[in-house]
Amino acid sequence: MTYEQIVEKAQAIAAKGSAEKIKDHLAIQYNITGEGAGAFYMEIKDGKISVCPYEYYDRDILVTGSGENILAMMEGKLDMVGAYLSGKIKAQGDFSKLDILKSLIARK
């Protein structure tokens, strides 16, 4: 997959999600390694989800991994904690905000 295809798929996944009940703010930057390398961010703000093909320097969490693993996590097909513990992804930042992301994935 190319970088553009990964971002388009991430945008399509986010468009299916509903963050209406989420009042907190969350900004996650995803750094894609390997095929389709690049960076994009997902922001949950005012009950809306947006995915943009840019770096987000004021992020809460930074996730690094392959495009395949990142998209699988966004779809709920790959457990975030399991992926982190097994080394499929690396993450740093405010992990207390992961509950917001987990609740979003659970609503799909």
PDB file of N, CA and C in Angstrom:
ATOM      1  N   MET A   1       0.827  -1.179   0.000  1.00  0.00           N
ATOM      2  CA  MET A   1       0.000   0.000   0.000  1.00  0.00           C
ATOM      3  C   MET A   1       0.873   1.245   0.000  1.00  0.00           C
ATOM      4  N   THR A   2       0.425   2.251  -0.702  1.00  0.00           N
ATOM      5  CA  THR A   2       1.143   3.518  -0.688  1.00  0.00           C
ATOM      6  C   THR A   2       0.693   4.333   0.531  1.00  0.00           C
ATOM      7  N   TYR A   3       1.442   5.364   0.822  1.00  0.00           N
ATOM      8  CA  TYR A   3       1.091   6.266   1.922  1.00  0.00           C
ATOM      9  C   TYR A   3      -0.316   6.832   1.709  1.00  0.00           C
ATOM     10  N   GLU A   4      -0.592   7.273   0.498  1.00  0.00           N
ATOM     11  CA  GLU A   4      -1.891   7.869   0.192  1.00  0.00           C
ATOM     12  C   GLU A   4      -3.026   6.871   0.416  1.00  0.00           C
ATOM     13  N   GLN A   5      -2.805   5.610   0.036  1.00  0.00           N
ATOM     14  CA  GLN A   5      -3.822   4.578   0.226  1.00  0.00           C
ATOM     15  C   GLN A   5      -4.065   4.314   1.713  1.00  0.00           C
ATOM     16  N   ILE A   6      -3.005   4.315   2.492  1.00  0.00           N
ATOM     17  CA  ILE A   6      -3.142   4.108   3.937  1.00  0.00           C
ATOM     18  C   ILE A   6      -3.957   5.232   4.556  1.00  0.00           C
ATOM     19  N   VAL A   7      -3.635   6.473   4.196  1.00  0.00           N
ATOM     20  CA  VAL A   7      -4.364   7.622   4.742  1.00  0.00           C
ATOM     21  C   VAL A   7      -5.828   7.580   4.302  1.00  0.00           C
ATOM     22  N   GLU A   8      -6.082   7.258   3.052  1.00  0.00           N
ATOM     23  CA  GLU A   8      -7.463   7.168   2.563  1.00  0.00           C
ATOM     24  C   GLU A   8      -8.245   6.102   3.323  1.00  0.00           C
ATOM     25  N   LYS A   9      -7.610   4.956   3.563  1.00  0.00           N
ATOM     26  CA  LYS A   9      -8.284   3.887   4.303  1.00  0.00           C
ATOM     27  C   LYS A   9      -8.527   4.324   5.751  1.00  0.00           C
ATOM     28  N   ALA A  10      -7.560   5.001   6.363  1.00  0.00           N
ATOM     29  CA  ALA A  10      -7.733   5.500   7.726  1.00  0.00           C
ATOM     30  C   ALA A  10      -8.893   6.502   7.781  1.00  0.00           C
ATOM     31  N   GLN A  11      -9.000   7.358   6.778  1.00  0.00           N
ATOM     32  CA  GLN A  11     -10.096   8.328   6.725  1.00  0.00           C
ATOM     33  C   GLN A  11     -11.438   7.616   6.581  1.00  0.00           C
ATOM     34  N   ALA A  12     -11.483   6.555   5.768  1.00  0.00           N
ATOM     35  CA  ALA A  12     -12.723   5.793   5.589  1.00  0.00           C
ATOM     36  C   ALA A  12     -13.118   5.083   6.890  1.00  0.00           C
ATOM     37  N   ILE A  13     -12.152   4.537   7.589  1.00  0.00           N
ATOM     38  CA  ILE A  13     -12.431   3.880   8.872  1.00  0.00           C
ATOM     39  C   ILE A  13     -12.962   4.896   9.865  1.00  0.00           C
ATOM     40  N   ALA A  14     -12.318   6.049   9.946  1.00  0.00           N
ATOM     41  CA  ALA A  14     -12.749   7.098  10.884  1.00  0.00           C
ATOM     42  C   ALA A  14     -14.145   7.609  10.543  1.00  0.00           C
ATOM     43  N   ALA A  15     -14.464   7.687   9.264  1.00  0.00           N
ATOM     44  CA  ALA A  15     -15.775   8.186   8.836  1.00  0.00           C
ATOM     45  C   ALA A  15     -16.907   7.272   9.310  1.00  0.00           C
ATOM     46  N   LYS A  16     -16.613   6.002   9.514  1.00  0.00           N
ATOM     47  CA  LYS A  16     -17.614   5.041   9.989  1.00  0.00           C
ATOM     48  C   LYS A  16     -17.832   5.148  11.495  1.00  0.00           C
ATOM     49  N   GLY A  17     -16.875   5.751  12.185  1.00  0.00           N
ATOM     50  CA  GLY A  17     -16.946   5.841  13.644  1.00  0.00           C
ATOM     51  C   GLY A  17     -17.845   6.970  14.100  1.00  0.00           C
ATOM     52  N   SER A  18     -18.285   6.869  15.326  1.00  0.00           N
ATOM     53  CA  SER A  18     -19.111   7.918  15.914  1.00  0.00           C
ATOM     54  C   SER A  18     -18.477   8.351  17.224  1.00  0.00           C
ATOM     55  N   ALA A  19     -18.199   9.622  17.325  1.00  0.00           N
ATOM     56  CA  ALA A  19     -17.592  10.159  18.540  1.00  0.00           C
ATOM     57  C   ALA A  19     -18.526  11.166  19.197  1.00  0.00           C
ATOM     58  N   GLU A  20     -19.811  11.095  18.872  1.00  0.00           N
ATOM     59  CA  GLU A  20     -20.780  12.064  19.384  1.00  0.00           C
ATOM     60  C   GLU A  20     -20.774  12.157  20.907  1.00  0.00           C
ATOM     61  N   LYS A  21     -20.600  11.022  21.572  1.00  0.00           N
ATOM     62  CA  LYS A  21     -20.665  11.012  23.036  1.00  0.00           C
ATOM     63  C   LYS A  21     -19.317  11.281  23.690  1.00  0.00           C
ATOM     64  N   ILE A  22     -18.270  11.414  22.882  1.00  0.00           N
ATOM     65  CA  ILE A  22     -16.940  11.664  23.432  1.00  0.00           C
ATOM     66  C   ILE A  22     -16.729  13.170  23.515  1.00  0.00           C
ATOM     67  N   LYS A  23     -16.600  13.663  24.706  1.00  0.00           N
ATOM     68  CA  LYS A  23     -16.442  15.107  24.910  1.00  0.00           C
ATOM     69  C   LYS A  23     -14.984  15.515  25.107  1.00  0.00           C
ATOM     70  N   ASP A  24     -14.134  14.537  25.389  1.00  0.00           N
ATOM     71  CA  ASP A  24     -12.719  14.828  25.589  1.00  0.00           C
ATOM     72  C   ASP A  24     -12.020  15.060  24.252  1.00  0.00           C
ATOM     73  N   HIS A  25     -10.842  15.642  24.315  1.00  0.00           N
ATOM     74  CA  HIS A  25     -10.006  15.862  23.129  1.00  0.00           C
ATOM     75  C   HIS A  25      -8.912  14.806  23.103  1.00  0.00           C
ATOM     76  N   LEU A  26      -8.651  14.265  21.928  1.00  0.00           N
ATOM     77  CA  LEU A  26      -7.578  13.294  21.758  1.00  0.00           C
ATOM     78  C   LEU A  26      -6.934  13.511  20.404  1.00  0.00           C
ATOM     79  N   ALA A  27      -5.620  13.620  20.379  1.00  0.00           N
ATOM     80  CA  ALA A  27      -4.869  13.750  19.129  1.00  0.00           C
ATOM     81  C   ALA A  27      -3.802  12.670  19.111  1.00  0.00           C
ATOM     82  N   ILE A  28      -3.853  11.834  18.077  1.00  0.00           N
ATOM     83  CA  ILE A  28      -2.895  10.742  17.937  1.00  0.00           C
ATOM     84  C   ILE A  28      -2.173  10.911  16.617  1.00  0.00           C
ATOM     85  N   GLN A  29      -0.857  10.881  16.680  1.00  0.00           N
ATOM     86  CA  GLN A  29      -0.082  10.860  15.450  1.00  0.00           C
ATOM     87  C   GLN A  29       0.344   9.426  15.189  1.00  0.00           C
ATOM     88  N   TYR A  30       0.166   8.980  13.970  1.00  0.00           N
ATOM     89  CA  TYR A  30       0.583   7.653  13.542  1.00  0.00           C
ATOM     90  C   TYR A  30       1.770   7.802  12.612  1.00  0.00           C
ATOM     91  N   ASN A  31       2.884   7.197  12.967  1.00  0.00           N
ATOM     92  CA  ASN A  31       4.059   7.150  12.104  1.00  0.00           C
ATOM     93  C   ASN A  31       4.106   5.770  11.462  1.00  0.00           C
ATOM     94  N   ILE A  32       3.998   5.740  10.158  1.00  0.00           N
ATOM     95  CA  ILE A  32       3.985   4.491   9.413  1.00  0.00           C
ATOM     96  C   ILE A  32       5.422   4.135   9.040  1.00  0.00           C
ATOM     97  N   THR A  33       5.785   2.908   9.331  1.00  0.00           N
ATOM     98  CA  THR A  33       7.119   2.418   8.965  1.00  0.00           C
ATOM     99  C   THR A  33       6.993   1.425   7.816  1.00  0.00           C
ATOM    100  N   GLY A  34       8.078   1.227   7.092  1.00  0.00           N
ATOM    101  CA  GLY A  34       8.077   0.262   5.998  1.00  0.00           C
ATOM    102  C   GLY A  34       7.309   0.783   4.803  1.00  0.00           C
ATOM    103  N   GLU A  35       6.586  -0.122   4.158  1.00  0.00           N
ATOM    104  CA  GLU A  35       5.815   0.232   2.969  1.00  0.00           C
ATOM    105  C   GLU A  35       4.815   1.341   3.287  1.00  0.00           C
ATOM    106  N   GLY A  36       4.802   2.378   2.473  1.00  0.00           N
ATOM    107  CA  GLY A  36       3.880   3.492   2.672  1.00  0.00           C
ATOM    108  C   GLY A  36       4.287   4.416   3.799  1.00  0.00           C
ATOM    109  N   ALA A  37       5.570   4.461   4.109  1.00  0.00           N
ATOM    110  CA  ALA A  37       6.067   5.259   5.241  1.00  0.00           C
ATOM    111  C   ALA A  37       5.604   6.712   5.158  1.00  0.00           C
ATOM    112  N   GLY A  38       5.302   7.262   6.313  1.00  0.00           N
ATOM    113  CA  GLY A  38       4.853   8.641   6.415  1.00  0.00           C
ATOM    114  C   GLY A  38       4.183   8.850   7.755  1.00  0.00           C
ATOM    115  N   ALA A  39       3.479   9.952   7.901  1.00  0.00           N
ATOM    116  CA  ALA A  39       2.800  10.251   9.161  1.00  0.00           C
ATOM    117  C   ALA A  39       1.431  10.853   8.873  1.00  0.00           C
ATOM    118  N   PHE A  40       0.472  10.508   9.724  1.00  0.00           N
ATOM    119  CA  PHE A  40      -0.837  11.159   9.684  1.00  0.00           C
ATOM    120  C   PHE A  40      -1.360  11.237  11.111  1.00  0.00           C
ATOM    121  N   TYR A  41      -2.384  12.045  11.310  1.00  0.00           N
ATOM    122  CA  TYR A  41      -2.937  12.130  12.654  1.00  0.00           C
ATOM    123  C   TYR A  41      -4.444  11.968  12.636  1.00  0.00           C
ATOM    124  N   MET A  42      -4.942  11.518  13.778  1.00  0.00           N
ATOM    125  CA  MET A  42      -6.368  11.426  14.004  1.00  0.00           C
ATOM    126  C   MET A  42      -6.688  12.292  15.214  1.00  0.00           C
ATOM    127  N   GLU A  43      -7.699  13.119  15.069  1.00  0.00           N
ATOM    128  CA  GLU A  43      -8.093  13.989  16.166  1.00  0.00           C
ATOM    129  C   GLU A  43      -9.573  13.769  16.466  1.00  0.00           C
ATOM    130  N   ILE A  44      -9.866  13.636  17.745  1.00  0.00           N
ATOM    131  CA  ILE A  44     -11.240  13.582  18.220  1.00  0.00           C
ATOM    132  C   ILE A  44     -11.460  14.869  19.000  1.00  0.00           C
ATOM    133  N   LYS A  45     -12.388  15.669  18.498  1.00  0.00           N
ATOM    134  CA  LYS A  45     -12.624  16.979  19.109  1.00  0.00           C
ATOM    135  C   LYS A  45     -14.080  17.360  18.898  1.00  0.00           C
ATOM    136  N   ASP A  46     -14.719  17.797  19.954  1.00  0.00           N
ATOM    137  CA  ASP A  46     -16.113  18.231  19.888  1.00  0.00           C
ATOM    138  C   ASP A  46     -17.027  17.159  19.285  1.00  0.00           C
ATOM    139  N   GLY A  47     -16.741  15.893  19.608  1.00  0.00           N
ATOM    140  CA  GLY A  47     -17.566  14.791  19.129  1.00  0.00           C
ATOM    141  C   GLY A  47     -17.363  14.422  17.676  1.00  0.00           C
ATOM    142  N   LYS A  48     -16.317  14.931  17.054  1.00  0.00           N
ATOM    143  CA  LYS A  48     -16.035  14.640  15.637  1.00  0.00           C
ATOM    144  C   LYS A  48     -14.658  14.009  15.491  1.00  0.00           C
ATOM    145  N   ILE A  49     -14.526  13.167  14.481  1.00  0.00           N
ATOM    146  CA  ILE A  49     -13.256  12.496  14.195  1.00  0.00           C
ATOM    147  C   ILE A  49     -12.719  13.018  12.873  1.00  0.00           C
ATOM    148  N   SER A  50     -11.459  13.387  12.866  1.00  0.00           N
ATOM    149  CA  SER A  50     -10.835  13.782  11.608  1.00  0.00           C
ATOM    150  C   SER A  50      -9.491  13.084  11.481  1.00  0.00           C
ATOM    151  N   VAL A  51      -9.151  12.744  10.255  1.00  0.00           N
ATOM    152  CA  VAL A  51      -7.853  12.135   9.933  1.00  0.00           C
ATOM    153  C   VAL A  51      -7.232  12.980   8.835  1.00  0.00           C
ATOM    154  N   CYS A  52      -6.016  13.468   9.079  1.00  0.00           N
ATOM    155  CA  CYS A  52      -5.337  14.327   8.111  1.00  0.00           C
ATOM    156  C   CYS A  52      -3.910  13.842   7.872  1.00  0.00           C
ATOM    157  N   PRO A  53      -3.426  14.001   6.650  1.00  0.00           N
ATOM    158  CA  PRO A  53      -2.088  13.505   6.299  1.00  0.00           C
ATOM    159  C   PRO A  53      -0.964  14.464   6.695  1.00  0.00           C
ATOM    160  N   TYR A  54      -0.896  14.781   7.969  1.00  0.00           N
ATOM    161  CA  TYR A  54       0.131  15.694   8.465  1.00  0.00           C
ATOM    162  C   TYR A  54       0.654  15.184   9.797  1.00  0.00           C
ATOM    163  N   GLU A  55       1.799  15.712  10.190  1.00  0.00           N
ATOM    164  CA  GLU A  55       2.276  15.461  11.547  1.00  0.00           C
ATOM    165  C   GLU A  55       1.517  16.394  12.477  1.00  0.00           C
ATOM    166  N   TYR A  56       1.352  15.965  13.722  1.00  0.00           N
ATOM    167  CA  TYR A  56       0.613  16.739  14.715  1.00  0.00           C
ATOM    168  C   TYR A  56       1.525  16.870  15.922  1.00  0.00           C
ATOM    169  N   TYR A  57       2.106  18.020  16.082  1.00  0.00           N
ATOM    170  CA  TYR A  57       3.136  18.191  17.105  1.00  0.00           C
ATOM    171  C   TYR A  57       2.576  18.347  18.520  1.00  0.00           C
ATOM    172  N   ASP A  58       1.313  18.729  18.641  1.00  0.00           N
ATOM    173  CA  ASP A  58       0.704  18.886  19.952  1.00  0.00           C
ATOM    174  C   ASP A  58      -0.159  17.658  20.259  1.00  0.00           C
ATOM    175  N   ARG A  59       0.393  16.499  20.001  1.00  0.00           N
ATOM    176  CA  ARG A  59      -0.348  15.244  20.125  1.00  0.00           C
ATOM    177  C   ARG A  59      -0.340  14.741  21.565  1.00  0.00           C
ATOM    178  N   ASP A  60      -1.326  13.894  21.839  1.00  0.00           N
ATOM    179  CA  ASP A  60      -1.384  13.228  23.130  1.00  0.00           C
ATOM    180  C   ASP A  60      -0.607  11.917  23.097  1.00  0.00           C
ATOM    181  N   ILE A  61      -0.700  11.222  21.963  1.00  0.00           N
ATOM    182  CA  ILE A  61      -0.080   9.904  21.827  1.00  0.00           C
ATOM    183  C   ILE A  61       0.581   9.806  20.454  1.00  0.00           C
ATOM    184  N   LEU A  62       1.722   9.160  20.414  1.00  0.00           N
ATOM    185  CA  LEU A  62       2.426   8.870  19.167  1.00  0.00           C
ATOM    186  C   LEU A  62       2.489   7.354  19.025  1.00  0.00           C
ATOM    187  N   VAL A  63       1.993   6.842  17.911  1.00  0.00           N
ATOM    188  CA  VAL A  63       1.998   5.408  17.633  1.00  0.00           C
ATOM    189  C   VAL A  63       2.841   5.175  16.384  1.00  0.00           C
ATOM    190  N   THR A  64       3.765   4.241  16.466  1.00  0.00           N
ATOM    191  CA  THR A  64       4.625   3.917  15.333  1.00  0.00           C
ATOM    192  C   THR A  64       4.464   2.439  15.003  1.00  0.00           C
ATOM    193  N   GLY A  65       4.258   2.142  13.727  1.00  0.00           N
ATOM    194  CA  GLY A  65       4.114   0.759  13.293  1.00  0.00           C
ATOM    195  C   GLY A  65       3.859   0.690  11.797  1.00  0.00           C
ATOM    196  N   SER A  66       3.693  -0.516  11.305  1.00  0.00           N
ATOM    197  CA  SER A  66       3.408  -0.689   9.880  1.00  0.00           C
ATOM    198  C   SER A  66       1.999  -0.192   9.573  1.00  0.00           C
ATOM    199  N   GLY A  67       1.784   0.186   8.336  1.00  0.00           N
ATOM    200  CA  GLY A  67       0.461   0.628   7.928  1.00  0.00           C
ATOM    201  C   GLY A  67      -0.581  -0.452   8.170  1.00  0.00           C
ATOM    202  N   GLU A  68      -0.210  -1.686   7.908  1.00  0.00           N
ATOM    203  CA  GLU A  68      -1.118  -2.820   8.099  1.00  0.00           C
ATOM    204  C   GLU A  68      -1.568  -2.931   9.559  1.00  0.00           C
ATOM    205  N   ASN A  69      -0.619  -2.837  10.486  1.00  0.00           N
ATOM    206  CA  ASN A  69      -0.968  -2.957  11.905  1.00  0.00           C
ATOM    207  C   ASN A  69      -1.757  -1.754  12.404  1.00  0.00           C
ATOM    208  N   ILE A  70      -1.396  -0.568  11.950  1.00  0.00           N
ATOM    209  CA  ILE A  70      -2.116   0.631  12.377  1.00  0.00           C
ATOM    210  C   ILE A  70      -3.566   0.579  11.896  1.00  0.00           C
ATOM    211  N   LEU A  71      -3.781   0.208  10.642  1.00  0.00           N
ATOM    212  CA  LEU A  71      -5.145   0.127  10.118  1.00  0.00           C
ATOM    213  C   LEU A  71      -5.934  -0.977  10.823  1.00  0.00           C
ATOM    214  N   ALA A  72      -5.282  -2.101  11.111  1.00  0.00           N
ATOM    215  CA  ALA A  72      -5.960  -3.191  11.829  1.00  0.00           C
ATOM    216  C   ALA A  72      -6.398  -2.732  13.215  1.00  0.00           C
ATOM    217  N   MET A  73      -5.573  -1.929  13.872  1.00  0.00           N
ATOM    218  CA  MET A  73      -5.962  -1.394  15.179  1.00  0.00           C
ATOM    219  C   MET A  73      -7.144  -0.441  15.041  1.00  0.00           C
ATOM    220  N   MET A  74      -7.099   0.413  14.041  1.00  0.00           N
ATOM    221  CA  MET A  74      -8.189   1.375  13.842  1.00  0.00           C
ATOM    222  C   MET A  74      -9.512   0.665  13.558  1.00  0.00           C
ATOM    223  N   GLU A  75      -9.438  -0.498  12.907  1.00  0.00           N
ATOM    224  CA  GLU A  75     -10.640  -1.269  12.596  1.00  0.00           C
ATOM    225  C   GLU A  75     -11.100  -2.132  13.767  1.00  0.00           C
ATOM    226  N   GLY A  76     -10.284  -2.228  14.807  1.00  0.00           N
ATOM    227  CA  GLY A  76     -10.620  -3.072  15.943  1.00  0.00           C
ATOM    228  C   GLY A  76     -10.253  -4.523  15.744  1.00  0.00           C
ATOM    229  N   LYS A  77      -9.485  -4.828  14.694  1.00  0.00           N
ATOM    230  CA  LYS A  77      -9.065  -6.200  14.409  1.00  0.00           C
ATOM    231  C   LYS A  77      -7.782  -6.592  15.127  1.00  0.00           C
ATOM    232  N   LEU A  78      -7.054  -5.611  15.626  1.00  0.00           N
ATOM    233  CA  LEU A  78      -5.807  -5.844  16.348  1.00  0.00           C
ATOM    234  C   LEU A  78      -5.887  -5.101  17.670  1.00  0.00           C
ATOM    235  N   ASP A  79      -5.762  -5.830  18.760  1.00  0.00           N
ATOM    236  CA  ASP A  79      -5.822  -5.244  20.092  1.00  0.00           C
ATOM    237  C   ASP A  79      -4.623  -4.327  20.311  1.00  0.00           C
ATOM    238  N   MET A  80      -4.897  -3.095  20.742  1.00  0.00           N
ATOM    239  CA  MET A  80      -3.828  -2.105  20.942  1.00  0.00           C
ATOM    240  C   MET A  80      -2.806  -2.564  21.973  1.00  0.00           C
ATOM    241  N   VAL A  81      -3.285  -3.044  23.104  1.00  0.00           N
ATOM    242  CA  VAL A  81      -2.375  -3.454  24.175  1.00  0.00           C
ATOM    243  C   VAL A  81      -1.551  -4.658  23.733  1.00  0.00           C
ATOM    244  N   GLY A  82      -2.197  -5.625  23.115  1.00  0.00           N
ATOM    245  CA  GLY A  82      -1.487  -6.799  22.620  1.00  0.00           C
ATOM    246  C   GLY A  82      -0.446  -6.440  21.570  1.00  0.00           C
ATOM    247  N   ALA A  83      -0.797  -5.511  20.692  1.00  0.00           N
ATOM    248  CA  ALA A  83       0.135  -5.074  19.649  1.00  0.00           C
ATOM    249  C   ALA A  83       1.339  -4.385  20.267  1.00  0.00           C
ATOM    250  N   TYR A  84       1.094  -3.607  21.312  1.00  0.00           N
ATOM    251  CA  TYR A  84       2.180  -2.903  22.003  1.00  0.00           C
ATOM    252  C   TYR A  84       3.086  -3.896  22.726  1.00  0.00           C
ATOM    253  N   LEU A  85       2.486  -4.806  23.464  1.00  0.00           N
ATOM    254  CA  LEU A  85       3.266  -5.771  24.241  1.00  0.00           C
ATOM    255  C   LEU A  85       4.050  -6.740  23.359  1.00  0.00           C
ATOM    256  N   SER A  86       3.519  -7.041  22.180  1.00  0.00           N
ATOM    257  CA  SER A  86       4.202  -7.965  21.270  1.00  0.00           C
ATOM    258  C   SER A  86       5.214  -7.263  20.366  1.00  0.00           C
ATOM    259  N   GLY A  87       5.274  -5.928  20.445  1.00  0.00           N
ATOM    260  CA  GLY A  87       6.230  -5.177  19.646  1.00  0.00           C
ATOM    261  C   GLY A  87       5.761  -4.855  18.239  1.00  0.00           C
ATOM    262  N   LYS A  88       4.487  -5.125  17.929  1.00  0.00           N
ATOM    263  CA  LYS A  88       3.971  -4.800  16.597  1.00  0.00           C
ATOM    264  C   LYS A  88       3.849  -3.298  16.400  1.00  0.00           C
ATOM    265  N   ILE A  89       3.653  -2.582  17.504  1.00  0.00           N
ATOM    266  CA  ILE A  89       3.630  -1.118  17.469  1.00  0.00           C
ATOM    267  C   ILE A  89       4.469  -0.596  18.625  1.00  0.00           C
ATOM    268  N   LYS A  90       4.872   0.648  18.504  1.00  0.00           N
ATOM    269  CA  LYS A  90       5.498   1.370  19.608  1.00  0.00           C
ATOM    270  C   LYS A  90       4.586   2.543  19.902  1.00  0.00           C
ATOM    271  N   ALA A  91       4.519   2.923  21.165  1.00  0.00           N
ATOM    272  CA  ALA A  91       3.657   4.040  21.532  1.00  0.00           C
ATOM    273  C   ALA A  91       4.294   4.824  22.662  1.00  0.00           C
ATOM    274  N   GLN A  92       4.027   6.110  22.654  1.00  0.00           N
ATOM    275  CA  GLN A  92       4.476   6.972  23.742  1.00  0.00           C
ATOM    276  C   GLN A  92       3.499   8.118  23.887  1.00  0.00           C
ATOM    277  N   GLY A  93       3.417   8.623  25.100  1.00  0.00           N
ATOM    278  CA  GLY A  93       2.527   9.748  25.343  1.00  0.00           C
ATOM    279  C   GLY A  93       1.634   9.513  26.539  1.00  0.00           C
ATOM    280  N   ASP A  94       0.469  10.141  26.522  1.00  0.00           N
ATOM    281  CA  ASP A  94      -0.478  10.104  27.627  1.00  0.00           C
ATOM    282  C   ASP A  94      -1.396   8.896  27.482  1.00  0.00           C
ATOM    283  N   PHE A  95      -0.966   7.771  28.039  1.00  0.00           N
ATOM    284  CA  PHE A  95      -1.726   6.533  27.890  1.00  0.00           C
ATOM    285  C   PHE A  95      -3.054   6.564  28.630  1.00  0.00           C
ATOM    286  N   SER A  96      -3.238   7.511  29.528  1.00  0.00           N
ATOM    287  CA  SER A  96      -4.527   7.615  30.204  1.00  0.00           C
ATOM    288  C   SER A  96      -5.635   7.966  29.207  1.00  0.00           C
ATOM    289  N   LYS A  97      -5.267   8.526  28.076  1.00  0.00           N
ATOM    290  CA  LYS A  97      -6.257   8.894  27.058  1.00  0.00           C
ATOM    291  C   LYS A  97      -6.606   7.739  26.125  1.00  0.00           C
ATOM    292  N   LEU A  98      -5.945   6.599  26.291  1.00  0.00           N
ATOM    293  CA  LEU A  98      -6.258   5.448  25.452  1.00  0.00           C
ATOM    294  C   LEU A  98      -7.681   4.949  25.654  1.00  0.00           C
ATOM    295  N   ASP A  99      -8.248   5.193  26.823  1.00  0.00           N
ATOM    296  CA  ASP A  99      -9.627   4.779  27.064  1.00  0.00           C
ATOM    297  C   ASP A  99     -10.582   5.464  26.094  1.00  0.00           C
ATOM    298  N   ILE A 100     -10.264   6.695  25.712  1.00  0.00           N
ATOM    299  CA  ILE A 100     -11.086   7.406  24.732  1.00  0.00           C
ATOM    300  C   ILE A 100     -11.046   6.658  23.408  1.00  0.00           C
ATOM    301  N   LEU A 101      -9.857   6.271  22.988  1.00  0.00           N
ATOM    302  CA  LEU A 101      -9.706   5.554  21.727  1.00  0.00           C
ATOM    303  C   LEU A 101     -10.371   4.183  21.801  1.00  0.00           C
ATOM    304  N   LYS A 102     -10.213   3.489  22.907  1.00  0.00           N
ATOM    305  CA  LYS A 102     -10.846   2.175  23.065  1.00  0.00           C
ATOM    306  C   LYS A 102     -12.366   2.287  22.974  1.00  0.00           C
ATOM    307  N   SER A 103     -12.929   3.317  23.578  1.00  0.00           N
ATOM    308  CA  SER A 103     -14.378   3.475  23.529  1.00  0.00           C
ATOM    309  C   SER A 103     -14.842   3.780  22.106  1.00  0.00           C
ATOM    310  N   LEU A 104     -14.040   4.478  21.348  1.00  0.00           N
ATOM    311  CA  LEU A 104     -14.376   4.777  19.958  1.00  0.00           C
ATOM    312  C   LEU A 104     -14.372   3.496  19.132  1.00  0.00           C
ATOM    313  N   ILE A 105     -13.352   2.666  19.290  1.00  0.00           N
ATOM    314  CA  ILE A 105     -13.249   1.423  18.545  1.00  0.00           C
ATOM    315  C   ILE A 105     -14.400   0.490  18.913  1.00  0.00           C
ATOM    316  N   ALA A 106     -14.776   0.459  20.190  1.00  0.00           N
ATOM    317  CA  ALA A 106     -15.849  -0.412  20.651  1.00  0.00           C
ATOM    318  C   ALA A 106     -17.207  -0.037  20.045  1.00  0.00           C
ATOM    319  N   ARG A 107     -17.374   1.192  19.595  1.00  0.00           N
ATOM    320  CA  ARG A 107     -18.657   1.649  19.045  1.00  0.00           C
ATOM    321  C   ARG A 107     -18.840   1.274  17.584  1.00  0.00           C
ATOM    322  N   LYS A 108     -17.825   0.761  16.943  1.00  0.00           N
ATOM    323  CA  LYS A 108     -17.947   0.446  15.513  1.00  0.00           C
ATOM    324  C   LYS A 108     -18.776  -0.795  15.297  1.00  0.00           C
TER     325      LYS A 108
END
